Amino acid sequence: YSIITPEGYASILWGDSSRAPEAAEKMHITAQDLKKKK
């Protein structure tokens, strides 16, 4: 669950969509992350 796709996040903030795996880690988008944040 995210504000944008990891590819979009990486492209907009870093100008490099290939960094999508790194963006996915940084965005805290998993069910476990979001359960902790309530």
PDB file of all heavy atoms in Angstrom:
ATOM      1  N   TYR A   1       0.887  -1.179   0.000  1.00  0.00           N
ATOM      2  CA  TYR A   1       0.000   0.000   0.000  1.00  0.00           C
ATOM      3  C   TYR A   1       0.912   1.212   0.000  1.00  0.00           C
ATOM      4  O   TYR A   1       1.708   1.392   0.925  1.00  0.00           O
ATOM      5  CB  TYR A   1      -0.872  -0.044   1.250  1.00  0.00           C
ATOM      6  CG  TYR A   1      -2.056   0.901   1.284  1.00  0.00           C
ATOM      7  CD1 TYR A   1      -2.430   1.692   0.205  1.00  0.00           C
ATOM      8  CD2 TYR A   1      -2.830   0.993   2.450  1.00  0.00           C
ATOM      9  CE1 TYR A   1      -3.516   2.529   0.271  1.00  0.00           C
ATOM     10  CE2 TYR A   1      -3.934   1.836   2.523  1.00  0.00           C
ATOM     11  CZ  TYR A   1      -4.272   2.598   1.430  1.00  0.00           C
ATOM     12  OH  TYR A   1      -5.368   3.427   1.516  1.00  0.00           O
ATOM     13  N   SER A   2       0.799   2.058  -1.035  1.00  0.00           N
ATOM     14  CA  SER A   2       1.785   3.130  -1.170  1.00  0.00           C
ATOM     15  C   SER A   2       1.194   4.367  -1.823  1.00  0.00           C
ATOM     16  O   SER A   2       0.142   4.311  -2.468  1.00  0.00           O
ATOM     17  CB  SER A   2       2.976   2.644  -2.005  1.00  0.00           C
ATOM     18  OG  SER A   2       2.552   2.288  -3.302  1.00  0.00           O
ATOM     19  N   ILE A   3       1.906   5.468  -1.675  1.00  0.00           N
ATOM     20  CA  ILE A   3       1.483   6.738  -2.258  1.00  0.00           C
ATOM     21  C   ILE A   3       1.713   6.768  -3.764  1.00  0.00           C
ATOM     22  O   ILE A   3       1.054   7.495  -4.506  1.00  0.00           O
ATOM     23  CB  ILE A   3       2.210   7.914  -1.575  1.00  0.00           C
ATOM     24  CG1 ILE A   3       1.611   9.245  -2.025  1.00  0.00           C
ATOM     25  CG2 ILE A   3       3.711   7.879  -1.842  1.00  0.00           C
ATOM     26  CD1 ILE A   3       2.125  10.438  -1.275  1.00  0.00           C
ATOM     27  N   ILE A   4       2.667   5.966  -4.227  1.00  0.00           N
ATOM     28  CA  ILE A   4       3.020   5.878  -5.635  1.00  0.00           C
ATOM     29  C   ILE A   4       3.771   4.570  -5.829  1.00  0.00           C
ATOM     30  O   ILE A   4       4.216   3.957  -4.849  1.00  0.00           O
ATOM     31  CB  ILE A   4       3.899   7.093  -6.057  1.00  0.00           C
ATOM     32  CG1 ILE A   4       4.005   7.217  -7.583  1.00  0.00           C
ATOM     33  CG2 ILE A   4       5.283   7.020  -5.393  1.00  0.00           C
ATOM     34  CD1 ILE A   4       4.701   8.490  -8.057  1.00  0.00           C
ATOM     35  N   THR A   5       3.917   4.098  -7.052  1.00  0.00           N
ATOM     36  CA  THR A   5       4.695   2.881  -7.286  1.00  0.00           C
ATOM     37  C   THR A   5       6.162   3.145  -6.934  1.00  0.00           C
ATOM     38  O   THR A   5       6.643   4.280  -7.038  1.00  0.00           O
ATOM     39  CB  THR A   5       4.620   2.440  -8.754  1.00  0.00           C
ATOM     40  OG1 THR A   5       5.192   3.457  -9.581  1.00  0.00           O
ATOM     41  CG2 THR A   5       3.187   2.167  -9.177  1.00  0.00           C
ATOM     42  N   PRO A   6       6.903   2.102  -6.529  1.00  0.00           N
ATOM     43  CA  PRO A   6       8.340   2.298  -6.270  1.00  0.00           C
ATOM     44  C   PRO A   6       9.086   2.877  -7.467  1.00  0.00           C
ATOM     45  O   PRO A   6      10.003   3.697  -7.310  1.00  0.00           O
ATOM     46  CB  PRO A   6       8.823   0.883  -5.934  1.00  0.00           C
ATOM     47  CG  PRO A   6       7.626   0.208  -5.369  1.00  0.00           C
ATOM     48  CD  PRO A   6       6.462   0.746  -6.156  1.00  0.00           C
ATOM     49  N   GLU A   7       8.676   2.467  -8.683  1.00  0.00           N
ATOM     50  CA  GLU A   7       9.323   3.015  -9.877  1.00  0.00           C
ATOM     51  C   GLU A   7       9.082   4.518  -9.983  1.00  0.00           C
ATOM     52  O   GLU A   7      10.000   5.295 -10.310  1.00  0.00           O
ATOM     53  CB  GLU A   7       8.776   2.324 -11.141  1.00  0.00           C
ATOM     54  CG  GLU A   7       9.076   0.840 -11.215  1.00  0.00           C
ATOM     55  CD  GLU A   7       7.964  -0.024 -10.679  1.00  0.00           C
ATOM     56  OE1 GLU A   7       7.254   0.424  -9.746  1.00  0.00           O
ATOM     57  OE2 GLU A   7       7.800  -1.135 -11.177  1.00  0.00           O
ATOM     58  N   GLY A   8       7.837   4.941  -9.708  1.00  0.00           N
ATOM     59  CA  GLY A   8       7.520   6.364  -9.753  1.00  0.00           C
ATOM     60  C   GLY A   8       8.255   7.147  -8.692  1.00  0.00           C
ATOM     61  O   GLY A   8       8.742   8.259  -8.948  1.00  0.00           O
ATOM     62  N   TYR A   9       8.322   6.583  -7.492  1.00  0.00           N
ATOM     63  CA  TYR A   9       9.038   7.229  -6.383  1.00  0.00           C
ATOM     64  C   TYR A   9      10.505   7.452  -6.760  1.00  0.00           C
ATOM     65  O   TYR A   9      11.044   8.562  -6.618  1.00  0.00           O
ATOM     66  CB  TYR A   9       8.934   6.334  -5.144  1.00  0.00           C
ATOM     67  CG  TYR A   9       9.547   6.892  -3.882  1.00  0.00           C
ATOM     68  CD1 TYR A   9       8.760   7.523  -2.930  1.00  0.00           C
ATOM     69  CD2 TYR A   9      10.907   6.752  -3.623  1.00  0.00           C
ATOM     70  CE1 TYR A   9       9.312   8.007  -1.745  1.00  0.00           C
ATOM     71  CE2 TYR A   9      11.482   7.233  -2.457  1.00  0.00           C
ATOM     72  CZ  TYR A   9      10.669   7.856  -1.516  1.00  0.00           C
ATOM     73  OH  TYR A   9      11.231   8.336  -0.351  1.00  0.00           O
ATOM     74  N   ALA A  10      11.158   6.383  -7.263  1.00  0.00           N
ATOM     75  CA  ALA A  10      12.572   6.470  -7.615  1.00  0.00           C
ATOM     76  C   ALA A  10      12.799   7.445  -8.763  1.00  0.00           C
ATOM     77  O   ALA A  10      13.794   8.195  -8.776  1.00  0.00           O
ATOM     78  CB  ALA A  10      13.100   5.089  -7.989  1.00  0.00           C
ATOM     79  N   SER A  11      11.901   7.464  -9.721  1.00  0.00           N
ATOM     80  CA  SER A  11      12.052   8.344 -10.879  1.00  0.00           C
ATOM     81  C   SER A  11      11.901   9.813 -10.489  1.00  0.00           C
ATOM     82  O   SER A  11      12.682  10.668 -10.924  1.00  0.00           O
ATOM     83  CB  SER A  11      11.014   7.970 -11.929  1.00  0.00           C
ATOM     84  OG  SER A  11      11.126   8.804 -13.056  1.00  0.00           O
ATOM     85  N   ILE A  12      10.910  10.115  -9.635  1.00  0.00           N
ATOM     86  CA  ILE A  12      10.644  11.504  -9.259  1.00  0.00           C
ATOM     87  C   ILE A  12      11.703  12.044  -8.300  1.00  0.00           C
ATOM     88  O   ILE A  12      12.207  13.156  -8.472  1.00  0.00           O
ATOM     89  CB  ILE A  12       9.237  11.627  -8.639  1.00  0.00           C
ATOM     90  CG1 ILE A  12       8.160  11.381  -9.707  1.00  0.00           C
ATOM     91  CG2 ILE A  12       9.029  12.994  -8.002  1.00  0.00           C
ATOM     92  CD1 ILE A  12       6.761  11.256  -9.156  1.00  0.00           C
ATOM     93  N   LEU A  13      12.047  11.260  -7.291  1.00  0.00           N
ATOM     94  CA  LEU A  13      12.970  11.759  -6.261  1.00  0.00           C
ATOM     95  C   LEU A  13      14.436  11.604  -6.628  1.00  0.00           C
ATOM     96  O   LEU A  13      15.271  12.424  -6.234  1.00  0.00           O
ATOM     97  CB  LEU A  13      12.690  11.068  -4.930  1.00  0.00           C
ATOM     98  CG  LEU A  13      11.337  11.379  -4.288  1.00  0.00           C
ATOM     99  CD1 LEU A  13      11.241  10.753  -2.901  1.00  0.00           C
ATOM    100  CD2 LEU A  13      11.094  12.884  -4.181  1.00  0.00           C
ATOM    101  N   TRP A  14      14.754  10.551  -7.362  1.00  0.00           N
ATOM    102  CA  TRP A  14      16.164  10.291  -7.661  1.00  0.00           C
ATOM    103  C   TRP A  14      16.481  10.324  -9.148  1.00  0.00           C
ATOM    104  O   TRP A  14      17.643  10.202  -9.549  1.00  0.00           O
ATOM    105  CB  TRP A  14      16.571   8.916  -7.107  1.00  0.00           C
ATOM    106  CG  TRP A  14      16.329   8.759  -5.630  1.00  0.00           C
ATOM    107  CD1 TRP A  14      16.408   9.740  -4.685  1.00  0.00           C
ATOM    108  CD2 TRP A  14      15.940   7.564  -4.938  1.00  0.00           C
ATOM    109  NE1 TRP A  14      16.105   9.228  -3.436  1.00  0.00           N
ATOM    110  CE2 TRP A  14      15.826   7.897  -3.557  1.00  0.00           C
ATOM    111  CE3 TRP A  14      15.698   6.250  -5.322  1.00  0.00           C
ATOM    112  CZ2 TRP A  14      15.470   6.968  -2.598  1.00  0.00           C
ATOM    113  CZ3 TRP A  14      15.351   5.319  -4.372  1.00  0.00           C
ATOM    114  CH2 TRP A  14      15.235   5.668  -3.021  1.00  0.00           C
ATOM    115  N   GLY A  15      15.451  10.489  -9.986  1.00  0.00           N
ATOM    116  CA  GLY A  15      15.674  10.535 -11.421  1.00  0.00           C
ATOM    117  C   GLY A  15      16.147   9.227 -12.004  1.00  0.00           C
ATOM    118  O   GLY A  15      16.757   9.206 -13.076  1.00  0.00           O
ATOM    119  N   ASP A  16      15.861   8.107 -11.325  1.00  0.00           N
ATOM    120  CA  ASP A  16      16.372   6.814 -11.770  1.00  0.00           C
ATOM    121  C   ASP A  16      15.387   5.719 -11.358  1.00  0.00           C
ATOM    122  O   ASP A  16      15.408   5.244 -10.217  1.00  0.00           O
ATOM    123  CB  ASP A  16      17.745   6.548 -11.153  1.00  0.00           C
ATOM    124  CG  ASP A  16      18.377   5.254 -11.661  1.00  0.00           C
ATOM    125  OD1 ASP A  16      17.740   4.559 -12.476  1.00  0.00           O
ATOM    126  OD2 ASP A  16      19.499   4.934 -11.219  1.00  0.00           O
ATOM    127  N   SER A  17      14.528   5.298 -12.287  1.00  0.00           N
ATOM    128  CA  SER A  17      13.512   4.301 -11.957  1.00  0.00           C
ATOM    129  C   SER A  17      14.102   2.933 -11.659  1.00  0.00           C
ATOM    130  O   SER A  17      13.440   2.086 -11.052  1.00  0.00           O
ATOM    131  CB  SER A  17      12.505   4.189 -13.106  1.00  0.00           C
ATOM    132  OG  SER A  17      13.147   3.761 -14.291  1.00  0.00           O
ATOM    133  N   SER A  18      15.348   2.697 -12.069  1.00  0.00           N
ATOM    134  CA  SER A  18      15.975   1.405 -11.799  1.00  0.00           C
ATOM    135  C   SER A  18      16.246   1.199 -10.307  1.00  0.00           C
ATOM    136  O   SER A  18      16.548   0.090  -9.868  1.00  0.00           O
ATOM    137  CB  SER A  18      17.288   1.271 -12.584  1.00  0.00           C
ATOM    138  OG  SER A  18      18.265   2.183 -12.096  1.00  0.00           O
ATOM    139  N   ARG A  19      16.126   2.263  -9.529  1.00  0.00           N
ATOM    140  CA  ARG A  19      16.338   2.151  -8.084  1.00  0.00           C
ATOM    141  C   ARG A  19      15.031   1.794  -7.345  1.00  0.00           C
ATOM    142  O   ARG A  19      14.901   1.986  -6.143  1.00  0.00           O
ATOM    143  CB  ARG A  19      16.913   3.454  -7.538  1.00  0.00           C
ATOM    144  CG  ARG A  19      18.322   3.758  -8.056  1.00  0.00           C
ATOM    145  CD  ARG A  19      18.819   5.125  -7.622  1.00  0.00           C
ATOM    146  NE  ARG A  19      18.987   5.211  -6.159  1.00  0.00           N
ATOM    147  CZ  ARG A  19      19.368   6.322  -5.520  1.00  0.00           C
ATOM    148  NH1 ARG A  19      19.618   7.436  -6.221  1.00  0.00           N
ATOM    149  NH2 ARG A  19      19.510   6.335  -4.210  1.00  0.00           N
ATOM    150  N   ALA A  20      14.085   1.248  -8.085  1.00  0.00           N
ATOM    151  CA  ALA A  20      12.790   0.880  -7.498  1.00  0.00           C
ATOM    152  C   ALA A  20      12.910  -0.074  -6.307  1.00  0.00           C
ATOM    153  O   ALA A  20      12.222   0.106  -5.301  1.00  0.00           O
ATOM    154  CB  ALA A  20      11.881   0.288  -8.574  1.00  0.00           C
ATOM    155  N   PRO A  21      13.789  -1.110  -6.345  1.00  0.00           N
ATOM    156  CA  PRO A  21      13.912  -1.984  -5.166  1.00  0.00           C
ATOM    157  C   PRO A  21      14.337  -1.217  -3.910  1.00  0.00           C
ATOM    158  O   PRO A  21      13.829  -1.472  -2.814  1.00  0.00           O
ATOM    159  CB  PRO A  21      14.984  -2.991  -5.590  1.00  0.00           C
ATOM    160  CG  PRO A  21      14.886  -3.032  -7.092  1.00  0.00           C
ATOM    161  CD  PRO A  21      14.569  -1.626  -7.490  1.00  0.00           C
ATOM    162  N   GLU A  22      15.235  -0.262  -4.087  1.00  0.00           N
ATOM    163  CA  GLU A  22      15.670   0.571  -2.961  1.00  0.00           C
ATOM    164  C   GLU A  22      14.522   1.454  -2.468  1.00  0.00           C
ATOM    165  O   GLU A  22      14.311   1.629  -1.258  1.00  0.00           O
ATOM    166  CB  GLU A  22      16.845   1.438  -3.419  1.00  0.00           C
ATOM    167  CG  GLU A  22      17.415   2.343  -2.351  1.00  0.00           C
ATOM    168  CD  GLU A  22      18.502   3.266  -2.894  1.00  0.00           C
ATOM    169  OE1 GLU A  22      18.953   3.070  -4.050  1.00  0.00           O
ATOM    170  OE2 GLU A  22      18.892   4.201  -2.158  1.00  0.00           O
ATOM    171  N   ALA A  23      13.758   1.991  -3.409  1.00  0.00           N
ATOM    172  CA  ALA A  23      12.615   2.839  -3.054  1.00  0.00           C
ATOM    173  C   ALA A  23      11.586   2.043  -2.262  1.00  0.00           C
ATOM    174  O   ALA A  23      11.012   2.540  -1.285  1.00  0.00           O
ATOM    175  CB  ALA A  23      11.987   3.421  -4.319  1.00  0.00           C
ATOM    176  N   ALA A  24      11.346   0.798  -2.675  1.00  0.00           N
ATOM    177  CA  ALA A  24      10.358  -0.031  -1.986  1.00  0.00           C
ATOM    178  C   ALA A  24      10.721  -0.215  -0.516  1.00  0.00           C
ATOM    179  O   ALA A  24       9.839  -0.211   0.356  1.00  0.00           O
ATOM    180  CB  ALA A  24      10.242  -1.382  -2.687  1.00  0.00           C
ATOM    181  N   GLU A  25      12.023  -0.369  -0.225  1.00  0.00           N
ATOM    182  CA  GLU A  25      12.469  -0.493   1.173  1.00  0.00           C
ATOM    183  C   GLU A  25      12.216   0.800   1.941  1.00  0.00           C
ATOM    184  O   GLU A  25      11.731   0.791   3.073  1.00  0.00           O
ATOM    185  CB  GLU A  25      13.965  -0.815   1.202  1.00  0.00           C
ATOM    186  CG  GLU A  25      14.346  -2.181   0.675  1.00  0.00           C
ATOM    187  CD  GLU A  25      14.150  -3.277   1.715  1.00  0.00           C
ATOM    188  OE1 GLU A  25      13.805  -2.952   2.868  1.00  0.00           O
ATOM    189  OE2 GLU A  25      14.309  -4.460   1.358  1.00  0.00           O
ATOM    190  N   LYS A  26      12.510   1.909   1.303  1.00  0.00           N
ATOM    191  CA  LYS A  26      12.438   3.213   1.963  1.00  0.00           C
ATOM    192  C   LYS A  26      10.997   3.670   2.208  1.00  0.00           C
ATOM    193  O   LYS A  26      10.717   4.412   3.155  1.00  0.00           O
ATOM    194  CB  LYS A  26      13.166   4.241   1.099  1.00  0.00           C
ATOM    195  CG  LYS A  26      13.469   5.559   1.785  1.00  0.00           C
ATOM    196  CD  LYS A  26      14.310   6.438   0.879  1.00  0.00           C
ATOM    197  CE  LYS A  26      14.729   7.712   1.589  1.00  0.00           C
ATOM    198  NZ  LYS A  26      15.648   7.475   2.722  1.00  0.00           N
ATOM    199  N   MET A  27      10.064   3.202   1.394  1.00  0.00           N
ATOM    200  CA  MET A  27       8.691   3.710   1.432  1.00  0.00           C
ATOM    201  C   MET A  27       7.824   3.071   2.533  1.00  0.00           C
ATOM    202  O   MET A  27       6.741   3.567   2.815  1.00  0.00           O
ATOM    203  CB  MET A  27       8.019   3.475   0.065  1.00  0.00           C
ATOM    204  CG  MET A  27       8.614   4.313  -1.070  1.00  0.00           C
ATOM    205  SD  MET A  27       8.069   3.754  -2.705  1.00  0.00           S
ATOM    206  CE  MET A  27       6.343   4.229  -2.688  1.00  0.00           C
ATOM    207  N   HIS A  28       8.279   1.956   3.127  1.00  0.00           N
ATOM    208  CA  HIS A  28       7.505   1.269   4.172  1.00  0.00           C
ATOM    209  C   HIS A  28       6.099   0.932   3.676  1.00  0.00           C
ATOM    210  O   HIS A  28       5.100   1.428   4.198  1.00  0.00           O
ATOM    211  CB  HIS A  28       7.431   2.126   5.442  1.00  0.00           C
ATOM    212  CG  HIS A  28       8.767   2.461   6.003  1.00  0.00           C
ATOM    213  ND1 HIS A  28       9.602   1.541   6.599  1.00  0.00           N
ATOM    214  CD2 HIS A  28       9.444   3.638   6.031  1.00  0.00           C
ATOM    215  CE1 HIS A  28      10.715   2.125   6.985  1.00  0.00           C
ATOM    216  NE2 HIS A  28      10.668   3.401   6.643  1.00  0.00           N
ATOM    217  N   ILE A  29       6.027   0.058   2.688  1.00  0.00           N
ATOM    218  CA  ILE A  29       4.766  -0.207   2.002  1.00  0.00           C
ATOM    219  C   ILE A  29       4.159  -1.571   2.324  1.00  0.00           C
ATOM    220  O   ILE A  29       3.083  -1.903   1.824  1.00  0.00           O
ATOM    221  CB  ILE A  29       4.955  -0.093   0.473  1.00  0.00           C
ATOM    222  CG1 ILE A  29       5.992  -1.107  -0.024  1.00  0.00           C
ATOM    223  CG2 ILE A  29       5.335   1.317   0.085  1.00  0.00           C
ATOM    224  CD1 ILE A  29       6.201  -1.092  -1.545  1.00  0.00           C
ATOM    225  N   THR A  30       4.825  -2.377   3.135  1.00  0.00           N
ATOM    226  CA  THR A  30       4.317  -3.727   3.393  1.00  0.00           C
ATOM    227  C   THR A  30       3.243  -3.733   4.479  1.00  0.00           C
ATOM    228  O   THR A  30       3.111  -2.790   5.263  1.00  0.00           O
ATOM    229  CB  THR A  30       5.457  -4.668   3.821  1.00  0.00           C
ATOM    230  OG1 THR A  30       5.921  -4.281   5.121  1.00  0.00           O
ATOM    231  CG2 THR A  30       6.614  -4.622   2.827  1.00  0.00           C
ATOM    232  N   ALA A  31       2.508  -4.825   4.523  1.00  0.00           N
ATOM    233  CA  ALA A  31       1.458  -4.975   5.531  1.00  0.00           C
ATOM    234  C   ALA A  31       2.034  -4.893   6.939  1.00  0.00           C
ATOM    235  O   ALA A  31       1.440  -4.288   7.845  1.00  0.00           O
ATOM    236  CB  ALA A  31       0.740  -6.314   5.325  1.00  0.00           C
ATOM    237  N   GLN A  32       3.202  -5.486   7.131  1.00  0.00           N
ATOM    238  CA  GLN A  32       3.822  -5.485   8.454  1.00  0.00           C
ATOM    239  C   GLN A  32       4.236  -4.068   8.872  1.00  0.00           C
ATOM    240  O   GLN A  32       4.030  -3.660  10.019  1.00  0.00           O
ATOM    241  CB  GLN A  32       5.037  -6.426   8.457  1.00  0.00           C
ATOM    242  CG  GLN A  32       4.683  -7.893   8.246  1.00  0.00           C
ATOM    243  CD  GLN A  32       4.279  -8.230   6.812  1.00  0.00           C
ATOM    244  OE1 GLN A  32       4.666  -7.545   5.859  1.00  0.00           O
ATOM    245  NE2 GLN A  32       3.467  -9.272   6.660  1.00  0.00           N
ATOM    246  N   ASP A  33       4.784  -3.298   7.924  1.00  0.00           N
ATOM    247  CA  ASP A  33       5.147  -1.896   8.204  1.00  0.00           C
ATOM    248  C   ASP A  33       3.906  -1.087   8.576  1.00  0.00           C
ATOM    249  O   ASP A  33       3.916  -0.310   9.544  1.00  0.00           O
ATOM    250  CB  ASP A  33       5.796  -1.252   6.966  1.00  0.00           C
ATOM    251  CG  ASP A  33       7.185  -1.799   6.673  1.00  0.00           C
ATOM    252  OD1 ASP A  33       7.865  -2.231   7.628  1.00  0.00           O
ATOM    253  OD2 ASP A  33       7.567  -1.805   5.494  1.00  0.00           O
ATOM    254  N   LEU A  34       2.845  -1.261   7.813  1.00  0.00           N
ATOM    255  CA  LEU A  34       1.657  -0.440   7.993  1.00  0.00           C
ATOM    256  C   LEU A  34       0.844  -0.851   9.214  1.00  0.00           C
ATOM    257  O   LEU A  34       0.136  -0.031   9.798  1.00  0.00           O
ATOM    258  CB  LEU A  34       0.803  -0.494   6.728  1.00  0.00           C
ATOM    259  CG  LEU A  34       1.513   0.059   5.472  1.00  0.00           C
ATOM    260  CD1 LEU A  34       0.653  -0.115   4.239  1.00  0.00           C
ATOM    261  CD2 LEU A  34       1.892   1.514   5.644  1.00  0.00           C
ATOM    262  N   LYS A  35       0.969  -2.102   9.624  1.00  0.00           N
ATOM    263  CA  LYS A  35       0.314  -2.529  10.865  1.00  0.00           C
ATOM    264  C   LYS A  35       0.984  -1.851  12.061  1.00  0.00           C
ATOM    265  O   LYS A  35       0.315  -1.396  13.002  1.00  0.00           O
ATOM    266  CB  LYS A  35       0.415  -4.057  11.000  1.00  0.00           C
ATOM    267  CG  LYS A  35      -0.267  -4.645  12.233  1.00  0.00           C
ATOM    268  CD  LYS A  35      -1.774  -4.608  12.089  1.00  0.00           C
ATOM    269  CE  LYS A  35      -2.470  -5.512  13.101  1.00  0.00           C
ATOM    270  NZ  LYS A  35      -2.220  -5.215  14.492  1.00  0.00           N
ATOM    271  N   LYS A  36       2.308  -1.726  12.023  1.00  0.00           N
ATOM    272  CA  LYS A  36       3.038  -1.043  13.101  1.00  0.00           C
ATOM    273  C   LYS A  36       2.648   0.429  13.180  1.00  0.00           C
ATOM    274  O   LYS A  36       2.549   1.005  14.259  1.00  0.00           O
ATOM    275  CB  LYS A  36       4.553  -1.159  12.871  1.00  0.00           C
ATOM    276  CG  LYS A  36       5.108  -2.554  13.100  1.00  0.00           C
ATOM    277  CD  LYS A  36       6.593  -2.607  12.744  1.00  0.00           C
ATOM    278  CE  LYS A  36       7.143  -4.028  12.844  1.00  0.00           C
ATOM    279  NZ  LYS A  36       8.554  -4.094  12.384  1.00  0.00           N
ATOM    280  N   LYS A  37       2.411   1.042  12.005  1.00  0.00           N
ATOM    281  CA  LYS A  37       2.038   2.459  11.968  1.00  0.00           C
ATOM    282  C   LYS A  37       0.537   2.663  12.234  1.00  0.00           C
ATOM    283  O   LYS A  37       0.051   3.789  12.252  1.00  0.00           O
ATOM    284  CB  LYS A  37       2.376   3.055  10.593  1.00  0.00           C
ATOM    285  CG  LYS A  37       3.862   3.137  10.277  1.00  0.00           C
ATOM    286  CD  LYS A  37       4.061   3.646   8.847  1.00  0.00           C
ATOM    287  CE  LYS A  37       5.536   3.736   8.482  1.00  0.00           C
ATOM    288  NZ  LYS A  37       6.228   4.807   9.219  1.00  0.00           N
ATOM    289  N   LYS A  38      -0.208   1.575  12.405  1.00  0.00           N
ATOM    290  CA  LYS A  38      -1.655   1.595  12.658  1.00  0.00           C
ATOM    291  C   LYS A  38      -2.444   2.200  11.488  1.00  0.00           C
ATOM    292  O   LYS A  38      -3.514   2.768  11.668  1.00  0.00           O
ATOM    293  CB  LYS A  38      -1.970   2.322  13.960  1.00  0.00           C
ATOM    294  CG  LYS A  38      -1.354   1.642  15.184  1.00  0.00           C
ATOM    295  CD  LYS A  38      -1.763   2.327  16.470  1.00  0.00           C
ATOM    296  CE  LYS A  38      -1.173   1.572  17.666  1.00  0.00           C
ATOM    297  NZ  LYS A  38      -1.525   2.207  18.949  1.00  0.00           N
TER     298      LYS A  38
END
